[in-house]
Amino acid sequence: LVPRQGCPEEVRLQVQQAVEQARNEQRYQTIPWELERDNRRVD
């Protein structure tokens, strides 16, 4: 998931929370990844 330019910070945070929850609960047969925040987390 790639944030559009100008996407509010609060929206990015809520998307990251949704991504983490979906990933941790293993809901889908694809692995969710919020591009900005997950890349930062790895680093």
All heavy atoms as atom14 arrays in JSON, in Angstrom:
{
  "sequence": "LVPRQGCPEEVRLQVQQAVEQARNEQRYQTIPWELERDNRRVD",
  "atom14_mask": [
    [1, 1, 1, 1, 1, 1, 1, 1, 0, 0, 0, 0, 0, 0],
    [1, 1, 1, 1, 1, 1, 1, 0, 0, 0, 0, 0, 0, 0],
    [1, 1, 1, 1, 1, 1, 1, 0, 0, 0, 0, 0, 0, 0],
    [1, 1, 1, 1, 1, 1, 1, 1, 1, 1, 1, 0, 0, 0],
    [1, 1, 1, 1, 1, 1, 1, 1, 1, 0, 0, 0, 0, 0],
    [1, 1, 1, 1, 0, 0, 0, 0, 0, 0, 0, 0, 0, 0],
    [1, 1, 1, 1, 1, 1, 0, 0, 0, 0, 0, 0, 0, 0],
    [1, 1, 1, 1, 1, 1, 1, 0, 0, 0, 0, 0, 0, 0],
    [1, 1, 1, 1, 1, 1, 1, 1, 1, 0, 0, 0, 0, 0],
    [1, 1, 1, 1, 1, 1, 1, 1, 1, 0, 0, 0, 0, 0],
    [1, 1, 1, 1, 1, 1, 1, 0, 0, 0, 0, 0, 0, 0],
    [1, 1, 1, 1, 1, 1, 1, 1, 1, 1, 1, 0, 0, 0],
    [1, 1, 1, 1, 1, 1, 1, 1, 0, 0, 0, 0, 0, 0],
    [1, 1, 1, 1, 1, 1, 1, 1, 1, 0, 0, 0, 0, 0],
    [1, 1, 1, 1, 1, 1, 1, 0, 0, 0, 0, 0, 0, 0],
    [1, 1, 1, 1, 1, 1, 1, 1, 1, 0, 0, 0, 0, 0],
    [1, 1, 1, 1, 1, 1, 1, 1, 1, 0, 0, 0, 0, 0],
    [1, 1, 1, 1, 1, 0, 0, 0, 0, 0, 0, 0, 0, 0],
    [1, 1, 1, 1, 1, 1, 1, 0, 0, 0, 0, 0, 0, 0],
    [1, 1, 1, 1, 1, 1, 1, 1, 1, 0, 0, 0, 0, 0],
    [1, 1, 1, 1, 1, 1, 1, 1, 1, 0, 0, 0, 0, 0],
    [1, 1, 1, 1, 1, 0, 0, 0, 0, 0, 0, 0, 0, 0],
    [1, 1, 1, 1, 1, 1, 1, 1, 1, 1, 1, 0, 0, 0],
    [1, 1, 1, 1, 1, 1, 1, 1, 0, 0, 0, 0, 0, 0],
    [1, 1, 1, 1, 1, 1, 1, 1, 1, 0, 0, 0, 0, 0],
    [1, 1, 1, 1, 1, 1, 1, 1, 1, 0, 0, 0, 0, 0],
    [1, 1, 1, 1, 1, 1, 1, 1, 1, 1, 1, 0, 0, 0],
    [1, 1, 1, 1, 1, 1, 1, 1, 1, 1, 1, 1, 0, 0],
    [1, 1, 1, 1, 1, 1, 1, 1, 1, 0, 0, 0, 0, 0],
    [1, 1, 1, 1, 1, 1, 1, 0, 0, 0, 0, 0, 0, 0],
    [1, 1, 1, 1, 1, 1, 1, 1, 0, 0, 0, 0, 0, 0],
    [1, 1, 1, 1, 1, 1, 1, 0, 0, 0, 0, 0, 0, 0],
    [1, 1, 1, 1, 1, 1, 1, 1, 1, 1, 1, 1, 1, 1],
    [1, 1, 1, 1, 1, 1, 1, 1, 1, 0, 0, 0, 0, 0],
    [1, 1, 1, 1, 1, 1, 1, 1, 0, 0, 0, 0, 0, 0],
    [1, 1, 1, 1, 1, 1, 1, 1, 1, 0, 0, 0, 0, 0],
    [1, 1, 1, 1, 1, 1, 1, 1, 1, 1, 1, 0, 0, 0],
    [1, 1, 1, 1, 1, 1, 1, 1, 0, 0, 0, 0, 0, 0],
    [1, 1, 1, 1, 1, 1, 1, 1, 0, 0, 0, 0, 0, 0],
    [1, 1, 1, 1, 1, 1, 1, 1, 1, 1, 1, 0, 0, 0],
    [1, 1, 1, 1, 1, 1, 1, 1, 1, 1, 1, 0, 0, 0],
    [1, 1, 1, 1, 1, 1, 1, 0, 0, 0, 0, 0, 0, 0],
    [1, 1, 1, 1, 1, 1, 1, 1, 0, 0, 0, 0, 0, 0]
  ],
  "atom14_positions": [
    [[0.86, -1.18, 0.0], [0.0, 0.0, 0.0], [0.89, 1.23, 0.0], [1.74, 1.41, 0.88], [-0.91, 0.0, 1.22], [-1.86, -1.21, 1.35], [-2.71, -1.08, 2.6], [-2.74, -1.34, 0.12], [0.0, 0.0, 0.0], [0.0, 0.0, 0.0], [0.0, 0.0, 0.0], [0.0, 0.0, 0.0], [0.0, 0.0, 0.0], [0.0, 0.0, 0.0]],
    [[0.71, 2.09, -1.0], [1.59, 3.24, -1.21], [0.8, 4.52, -0.97], [-0.18, 4.8, -1.68], [2.15, 3.24, -2.65], [3.11, 4.4, -2.85], [2.84, 1.9, -2.96], [0.0, 0.0, 0.0], [0.0, 0.0, 0.0], [0.0, 0.0, 0.0], [0.0, 0.0, 0.0], [0.0, 0.0, 0.0], [0.0, 0.0, 0.0], [0.0, 0.0, 0.0]],
    [[1.19, 5.34, 0.01], [0.42, 6.56, 0.28], [0.53, 7.55, -0.86], [1.6, 7.77, -1.43], [1.09, 7.12, 1.55], [2.46, 6.52, 1.56], [2.34, 5.18, 0.93], [0.0, 0.0, 0.0], [0.0, 0.0, 0.0], [0.0, 0.0, 0.0], [0.0, 0.0, 0.0], [0.0, 0.0, 0.0], [0.0, 0.0, 0.0], [0.0, 0.0, 0.0]],
    [[-0.62, 8.12, -1.24], [-0.61, 9.17, -2.25], [0.04, 10.43, -1.68], [0.03, 10.65, -0.46], [-2.04, 9.49, -2.7], [-2.79, 8.31, -3.33], [-4.18, 8.76, -3.77], [-5.01, 7.63, -4.18], [-5.02, 7.11, -5.4], [-4.22, 7.64, -6.34], [-5.81, 6.1, -5.71], [0.0, 0.0, 0.0], [0.0, 0.0, 0.0], [0.0, 0.0, 0.0]],
    [[0.57, 11.25, -2.56], [1.15, 12.51, -2.12], [0.07, 13.34, -1.45], [-1.03, 13.5, -1.96], [1.73, 13.27, -3.3], [2.47, 14.54, -2.9], [3.23, 15.15, -4.06], [3.48, 14.48, -5.06], [3.58, 16.42, -3.95], [0.0, 0.0, 0.0], [0.0, 0.0, 0.0], [0.0, 0.0, 0.0], [0.0, 0.0, 0.0], [0.0, 0.0, 0.0]],
    [[0.38, 13.84, -0.27], [-0.58, 14.64, 0.49], [-1.51, 13.85, 1.37], [-2.37, 14.43, 2.04], [0.0, 0.0, 0.0], [0.0, 0.0, 0.0], [0.0, 0.0, 0.0], [0.0, 0.0, 0.0], [0.0, 0.0, 0.0], [0.0, 0.0, 0.0], [0.0, 0.0, 0.0], [0.0, 0.0, 0.0], [0.0, 0.0, 0.0], [0.0, 0.0, 0.0]],
    [[-1.36, 12.53, 1.4], [-2.21, 11.71, 2.27], [-1.94, 12.11, 3.72], [-0.78, 12.13, 4.16], [-1.89, 10.23, 2.06], [-2.89, 9.11, 3.09], [0.0, 0.0, 0.0], [0.0, 0.0, 0.0], [0.0, 0.0, 0.0], [0.0, 0.0, 0.0], [0.0, 0.0, 0.0], [0.0, 0.0, 0.0], [0.0, 0.0, 0.0], [0.0, 0.0, 0.0]],
    [[-2.99, 12.43, 4.5], [-2.78, 12.89, 5.88], [-2.04, 11.86, 6.74], [-2.21, 10.65, 6.56], [-4.21, 13.11, 6.4], [-5.04, 13.31, 5.17], [-4.41, 12.44, 4.12], [0.0, 0.0, 0.0], [0.0, 0.0, 0.0], [0.0, 0.0, 0.0], [0.0, 0.0, 0.0], [0.0, 0.0, 0.0], [0.0, 0.0, 0.0], [0.0, 0.0, 0.0]],
    [[-1.23, 12.35, 7.64], [-0.44, 11.48, 8.52], [-1.33, 10.57, 9.35], [-1.0, 9.4, 9.59], [0.43, 12.34, 9.44], [1.43, 11.55, 10.27], [2.5, 10.88, 9.43], [2.72, 11.3, 8.28], [3.13, 9.92, 9.93], [0.0, 0.0, 0.0], [0.0, 0.0, 0.0], [0.0, 0.0, 0.0], [0.0, 0.0, 0.0], [0.0, 0.0, 0.0]],
    [[-2.47, 11.07, 9.79], [-3.37, 10.25, 10.6], [-3.91, 9.08, 9.78], [-4.07, 7.98, 10.3], [-4.54, 11.12, 11.1], [-5.58, 10.35, 11.91], [-5.0, 9.69, 13.15], [-3.99, 10.18, 13.69], [-5.57, 8.66, 13.59], [0.0, 0.0, 0.0], [0.0, 0.0, 0.0], [0.0, 0.0, 0.0], [0.0, 0.0, 0.0], [0.0, 0.0, 0.0]],
    [[-4.18, 9.3, 8.51], [-4.65, 8.21, 7.65], [-3.55, 7.17, 7.48], [-3.79, 5.95, 7.54], [-5.09, 8.76, 6.28], [-5.4, 7.61, 5.31], [-6.32, 9.65, 6.44], [0.0, 0.0, 0.0], [0.0, 0.0, 0.0], [0.0, 0.0, 0.0], [0.0, 0.0, 0.0], [0.0, 0.0, 0.0], [0.0, 0.0, 0.0], [0.0, 0.0, 0.0]],
    [[-2.32, 7.6, 7.28], [-1.2, 6.67, 7.14], [-1.04, 5.81, 8.39], [-0.76, 4.61, 8.3], [0.09, 7.44, 6.87], [0.05, 8.27, 5.59], [1.39, 8.94, 5.33], [1.27, 9.92, 4.25], [2.26, 10.28, 3.47], [3.46, 9.74, 3.63], [2.08, 11.18, 2.52], [0.0, 0.0, 0.0], [0.0, 0.0, 0.0], [0.0, 0.0, 0.0]],
    [[-1.21, 6.45, 9.54], [-1.1, 5.7, 10.79], [-2.2, 4.66, 10.9], [-1.95, 3.5, 11.29], [-1.17, 6.67, 11.98], [-1.17, 6.02, 13.37], [0.1, 5.21, 13.59], [-1.31, 7.1, 14.44], [0.0, 0.0, 0.0], [0.0, 0.0, 0.0], [0.0, 0.0, 0.0], [0.0, 0.0, 0.0], [0.0, 0.0, 0.0], [0.0, 0.0, 0.0]],
    [[-3.43, 5.01, 10.55], [-4.54, 4.06, 10.62], [-4.38, 2.92, 9.62], [-4.72, 1.77, 9.91], [-5.86, 4.79, 10.38], [-6.25, 5.75, 11.5], [-7.59, 6.4, 11.24], [-8.63, 5.75, 11.22], [-7.57, 7.71, 11.01], [0.0, 0.0, 0.0], [0.0, 0.0, 0.0], [0.0, 0.0, 0.0], [0.0, 0.0, 0.0], [0.0, 0.0, 0.0]],
    [[-3.83, 3.23, 8.45], [-3.56, 2.18, 7.47], [-2.5, 1.23, 8.0], [-2.64, 0.01, 7.89], [-3.13, 2.8, 6.13], [-2.54, 1.73, 5.2], [-4.3, 3.49, 5.45], [0.0, 0.0, 0.0], [0.0, 0.0, 0.0], [0.0, 0.0, 0.0], [0.0, 0.0, 0.0], [0.0, 0.0, 0.0], [0.0, 0.0, 0.0], [0.0, 0.0, 0.0]],
    [[-1.45, 1.77, 8.6], [-0.41, 0.91, 9.17], [-0.98, 0.01, 10.25], [-0.64, -1.19, 10.33], [0.73, 1.77, 9.74], [1.81, 0.97, 10.46], [2.51, -0.02, 9.55], [2.6, 0.23, 8.34], [2.98, -1.12, 10.08], [0.0, 0.0, 0.0], [0.0, 0.0, 0.0], [0.0, 0.0, 0.0], [0.0, 0.0, 0.0], [0.0, 0.0, 0.0]],
    [[-1.85, 0.54, 11.09], [-2.47, -0.27, 12.14], [-3.32, -1.39, 11.55], [-3.29, -2.53, 12.03], [-3.31, 0.63, 13.05], [-2.47, 1.58, 13.9], [-3.31, 2.63, 14.62], [-4.47, 2.89, 14.25], [-2.75, 3.24, 15.64], [0.0, 0.0, 0.0], [0.0, 0.0, 0.0], [0.0, 0.0, 0.0], [0.0, 0.0, 0.0], [0.0, 0.0, 0.0]],
    [[-4.06, -1.08, 10.49], [-4.88, -2.09, 9.82], [-4.01, -3.16, 9.18], [-4.33, -4.36, 9.21], [-5.79, -1.43, 8.78], [0.0, 0.0, 0.0], [0.0, 0.0, 0.0], [0.0, 0.0, 0.0], [0.0, 0.0, 0.0], [0.0, 0.0, 0.0], [0.0, 0.0, 0.0], [0.0, 0.0, 0.0], [0.0, 0.0, 0.0], [0.0, 0.0, 0.0]],
    [[-2.91, -2.74, 8.57], [-1.98, -3.68, 7.94], [-1.37, -4.61, 8.98], [-1.3, -5.84, 8.78], [-0.88, -2.9, 7.18], [0.31, -3.8, 6.86], [-1.44, -2.31, 5.9], [0.0, 0.0, 0.0], [0.0, 0.0, 0.0], [0.0, 0.0, 0.0], [0.0, 0.0, 0.0], [0.0, 0.0, 0.0], [0.0, 0.0, 0.0], [0.0, 0.0, 0.0]],
    [[-0.92, -4.06, 10.08], [-0.32, -4.88, 11.13], [-1.32, -5.88, 11.69], [-0.98, -7.05, 11.93], [0.2, -3.99, 12.26], [1.46, -3.23, 11.9], [1.97, -2.42, 13.07], [1.41, -2.53, 14.18], [2.94, -1.66, 12.88], [0.0, 0.0, 0.0], [0.0, 0.0, 0.0], [0.0, 0.0, 0.0], [0.0, 0.0, 0.0], [0.0, 0.0, 0.0]],
    [[-2.53, -5.44, 11.92], [-3.54, -6.33, 12.47], [-3.85, -7.47, 11.5], [-3.92, -8.64, 11.9], [-4.81, -5.55, 12.79], [-5.88, -6.39, 13.48], [-7.07, -5.56, 13.93], [-7.13, -4.37, 13.66], [-8.02, -6.18, 14.6], [0.0, 0.0, 0.0], [0.0, 0.0, 0.0], [0.0, 0.0, 0.0], [0.0, 0.0, 0.0], [0.0, 0.0, 0.0]],
    [[-4.03, -7.14, 10.22], [-4.3, -8.17, 9.22], [-3.15, -9.15, 9.1], [-3.34, -10.36, 8.96], [-4.58, -7.51, 7.87], [0.0, 0.0, 0.0], [0.0, 0.0, 0.0], [0.0, 0.0, 0.0], [0.0, 0.0, 0.0], [0.0, 0.0, 0.0], [0.0, 0.0, 0.0], [0.0, 0.0, 0.0], [0.0, 0.0, 0.0], [0.0, 0.0, 0.0]],
    [[-1.92, -8.64, 9.18], [-0.74, -9.49, 9.06], [-0.59, -10.39, 10.28], [-0.33, -11.59, 10.16], [0.49, -8.6, 8.88], [1.71, -9.3, 8.34], [2.72, -8.3, 7.81], [3.11, -7.31, 8.82], [3.37, -6.05, 8.55], [3.3, -5.6, 7.31], [3.73, -5.22, 9.5], [0.0, 0.0, 0.0], [0.0, 0.0, 0.0], [0.0, 0.0, 0.0]],
    [[-0.76, -9.83, 11.46], [-0.6, -10.61, 12.68], [-1.69, -11.67, 12.84], [-1.43, -12.76, 13.36], [-0.59, -9.69, 13.9], [0.64, -8.8, 13.94], [1.68, -9.13, 13.36], [0.54, -7.67, 14.63], [0.0, 0.0, 0.0], [0.0, 0.0, 0.0], [0.0, 0.0, 0.0], [0.0, 0.0, 0.0], [0.0, 0.0, 0.0], [0.0, 0.0, 0.0]],
    [[-2.89, -11.34, 12.4], [-4.0, -12.29, 12.51], [-4.08, -13.23, 11.3], [-4.94, -14.11, 11.26], [-5.31, -11.53, 12.67], [-5.37, -10.74, 13.98], [-6.66, -9.94, 14.13], [-7.52, -10.01, 13.2], [-6.82, -9.26, 15.16], [0.0, 0.0, 0.0], [0.0, 0.0, 0.0], [0.0, 0.0, 0.0], [0.0, 0.0, 0.0], [0.0, 0.0, 0.0]],
    [[-3.18, -13.04, 10.33], [-3.09, -13.93, 9.17], [-4.45, -14.13, 8.5], [-4.91, -15.24, 8.29], [-2.49, -15.27, 9.59], [-1.15, -15.14, 10.3], [-0.67, -16.45, 10.87], [-0.48, -17.41, 10.13], [-0.46, -16.5, 12.17], [0.0, 0.0, 0.0], [0.0, 0.0, 0.0], [0.0, 0.0, 0.0], [0.0, 0.0, 0.0], [0.0, 0.0, 0.0]],
    [[-5.05, -13.02, 8.13], [-6.41, -13.07, 7.61], [-6.48, -13.43, 6.13], [-7.48, -13.98, 5.67], [-7.08, -11.72, 7.81], [-7.3, -11.31, 9.26], [-7.94, -9.93, 9.3], [-8.16, -9.46, 10.66], [-8.63, -8.25, 10.95], [-8.92, -7.41, 9.97], [-8.78, -7.88, 12.2], [0.0, 0.0, 0.0], [0.0, 0.0, 0.0], [0.0, 0.0, 0.0]],
    [[-5.43, -13.1, 5.38], [-5.54, -13.18, 3.93], [-4.37, -13.96, 3.33], [-3.3, -14.05, 3.92], [-5.58, -11.76, 3.33], [-6.56, -10.86, 4.02], [-6.12, -9.87, 4.9], [-7.93, -11.03, 3.84], [-7.02, -9.05, 5.56], [-8.83, -10.22, 4.49], [-8.39, -9.24, 5.36], [-9.28, -8.43, 6.03], [0.0, 0.0, 0.0], [0.0, 0.0, 0.0]],
    [[-4.59, -14.47, 2.13], [-3.55, -15.22, 1.44], [-2.7, -14.27, 0.59], [-2.42, -14.5, -0.58], [-4.17, -16.32, 0.56], [-3.17, -17.41, 0.17], [-3.84, -18.62, -0.42], [-4.77, -19.17, 0.17], [-3.39, -19.05, -1.59], [0.0, 0.0, 0.0], [0.0, 0.0, 0.0], [0.0, 0.0, 0.0], [0.0, 0.0, 0.0], [0.0, 0.0, 0.0]],
    [[-2.31, -13.21, 1.21], [-1.35, -12.23, 0.7], [-0.85, -11.48, 1.92], [-1.58, -11.36, 2.92], [-1.98, -11.28, -0.33], [-0.98, -10.41, -0.86], [-3.09, -10.43, 0.29], [0.0, 0.0, 0.0], [0.0, 0.0, 0.0], [0.0, 0.0, 0.0], [0.0, 0.0, 0.0], [0.0, 0.0, 0.0], [0.0, 0.0, 0.0], [0.0, 0.0, 0.0]],
    [[0.38, -11.0, 1.88], [0.98, -10.36, 3.06], [0.89, -8.85, 2.9], [1.53, -8.27, 2.01], [2.45, -10.79, 3.22], [2.54, -12.32, 3.33], [3.07, -10.13, 4.45], [3.95, -12.85, 3.29], [0.0, 0.0, 0.0], [0.0, 0.0, 0.0], [0.0, 0.0, 0.0], [0.0, 0.0, 0.0], [0.0, 0.0, 0.0], [0.0, 0.0, 0.0]],
    [[0.09, -8.17, 3.74], [-0.04, -6.71, 3.63], [1.25, -6.0, 4.02], [1.97, -6.43, 4.93], [-1.17, -6.38, 4.62], [-1.86, -7.68, 4.87], [-0.8, -8.72, 4.76], [0.0, 0.0, 0.0], [0.0, 0.0, 0.0], [0.0, 0.0, 0.0], [0.0, 0.0, 0.0], [0.0, 0.0, 0.0], [0.0, 0.0, 0.0], [0.0, 0.0, 0.0]],
    [[1.54, -4.88, 3.34], [2.77, -4.12, 3.59], [2.5, -2.65, 3.31], [2.18, -2.28, 2.19], [3.89, -4.63, 2.68], [5.27, -4.13, 3.02], [5.91, -3.04, 2.47], [6.18, -4.7, 3.95], [7.16, -2.92, 3.02], [7.36, -3.92, 3.93], [6.11, -5.81, 4.81], [8.46, -4.2, 4.74], [7.21, -6.09, 5.6], [8.36, -5.3, 5.57]],
    [[2.6, -1.81, 4.33], [2.48, -0.37, 4.13], [3.86, 0.14, 3.77], [4.79, 0.08, 4.58], [1.96, 0.31, 5.4], [1.26, 1.64, 5.17], [2.23, 2.77, 4.86], [3.39, 2.72, 5.3], [1.81, 3.74, 4.17], [0.0, 0.0, 0.0], [0.0, 0.0, 0.0], [0.0, 0.0, 0.0], [0.0, 0.0, 0.0], [0.0, 0.0, 0.0]],
    [[4.02, 0.61, 2.55], [5.36, 0.79, 1.99], [6.23, 1.73, 2.82], [7.38, 1.43, 3.11], [5.25, 1.31, 0.55], [6.56, 1.25, -0.24], [6.93, -0.19, -0.54], [6.44, 2.05, -1.53], [0.0, 0.0, 0.0], [0.0, 0.0, 0.0], [0.0, 0.0, 0.0], [0.0, 0.0, 0.0], [0.0, 0.0, 0.0], [0.0, 0.0, 0.0]],
    [[5.69, 2.88, 3.19], [6.49, 3.86, 3.9], [6.86, 3.38, 5.3], [8.03, 3.3, 5.67], [5.74, 5.19, 3.99], [6.47, 6.24, 4.79], [5.63, 7.49, 5.01], [4.64, 7.68, 4.3], [5.99, 8.28, 5.89], [0.0, 0.0, 0.0], [0.0, 0.0, 0.0], [0.0, 0.0, 0.0], [0.0, 0.0, 0.0], [0.0, 0.0, 0.0]],
    [[5.85, 3.04, 6.09], [6.1, 2.75, 7.51], [6.74, 1.38, 7.73], [7.58, 1.23, 8.63], [4.79, 2.87, 8.3], [4.31, 4.31, 8.4], [2.97, 4.43, 9.08], [2.56, 5.82, 9.19], [2.8, 6.6, 10.24], [3.44, 6.12, 11.28], [2.41, 7.86, 10.25], [0.0, 0.0, 0.0], [0.0, 0.0, 0.0], [0.0, 0.0, 0.0]],
    [[6.38, 0.39, 6.94], [7.02, -0.91, 7.11], [8.48, -0.87, 6.67], [9.34, -1.53, 7.27], [6.24, -1.99, 6.36], [5.06, -2.51, 7.16], [5.16, -2.6, 8.41], [4.02, -2.84, 6.56], [0.0, 0.0, 0.0], [0.0, 0.0, 0.0], [0.0, 0.0, 0.0], [0.0, 0.0, 0.0], [0.0, 0.0, 0.0], [0.0, 0.0, 0.0]],
    [[8.77, -0.13, 5.61], [10.18, 0.03, 5.22], [10.98, 0.7, 6.32], [12.13, 0.33, 6.61], [10.29, 0.84, 3.93], [9.98, 0.02, 2.69], [9.78, -1.19, 2.76], [9.92, 0.68, 1.55], [0.0, 0.0, 0.0], [0.0, 0.0, 0.0], [0.0, 0.0, 0.0], [0.0, 0.0, 0.0], [0.0, 0.0, 0.0], [0.0, 0.0, 0.0]],
    [[10.39, 1.69, 6.94], [11.06, 2.38, 8.05], [11.25, 1.45, 9.23], [12.28, 1.5, 9.92], [10.27, 3.62, 8.46], [10.34, 4.77, 7.47], [9.4, 5.89, 7.86], [9.72, 6.44, 9.16], [10.67, 7.33, 9.39], [11.41, 7.77, 8.38], [10.88, 7.79, 10.6], [0.0, 0.0, 0.0], [0.0, 0.0, 0.0], [0.0, 0.0, 0.0]],
    [[10.27, 0.61, 9.48], [10.37, -0.31, 10.62], [11.51, -1.3, 10.43], [12.24, -1.6, 11.37], [9.04, -1.04, 10.82], [9.08, -2.08, 11.93], [7.69, -2.46, 12.37], [6.97, -1.31, 12.92], [5.76, -1.39, 13.45], [5.13, -2.55, 13.5], [5.17, -0.32, 13.93], [0.0, 0.0, 0.0], [0.0, 0.0, 0.0], [0.0, 0.0, 0.0]],
    [[11.64, -1.84, 9.22], [12.75, -2.74, 8.94], [14.07, -2.04, 9.2], [14.98, -2.59, 9.84], [12.69, -3.26, 7.48], [13.97, -4.01, 7.13], [11.48, -4.17, 7.29], [0.0, 0.0, 0.0], [0.0, 0.0, 0.0], [0.0, 0.0, 0.0], [0.0, 0.0, 0.0], [0.0, 0.0, 0.0], [0.0, 0.0, 0.0], [0.0, 0.0, 0.0]],
    [[14.19, -0.81, 8.73], [15.44, -0.08, 8.9], [15.72, 0.2, 10.37], [16.88, 0.15, 10.82], [15.39, 1.23, 8.13], [16.77, 1.82, 7.93], [17.48, 1.38, 7.01], [17.16, 2.7, 8.72], [0.0, 0.0, 0.0], [0.0, 0.0, 0.0], [0.0, 0.0, 0.0], [0.0, 0.0, 0.0], [0.0, 0.0, 0.0], [0.0, 0.0, 0.0]]
  ]
}
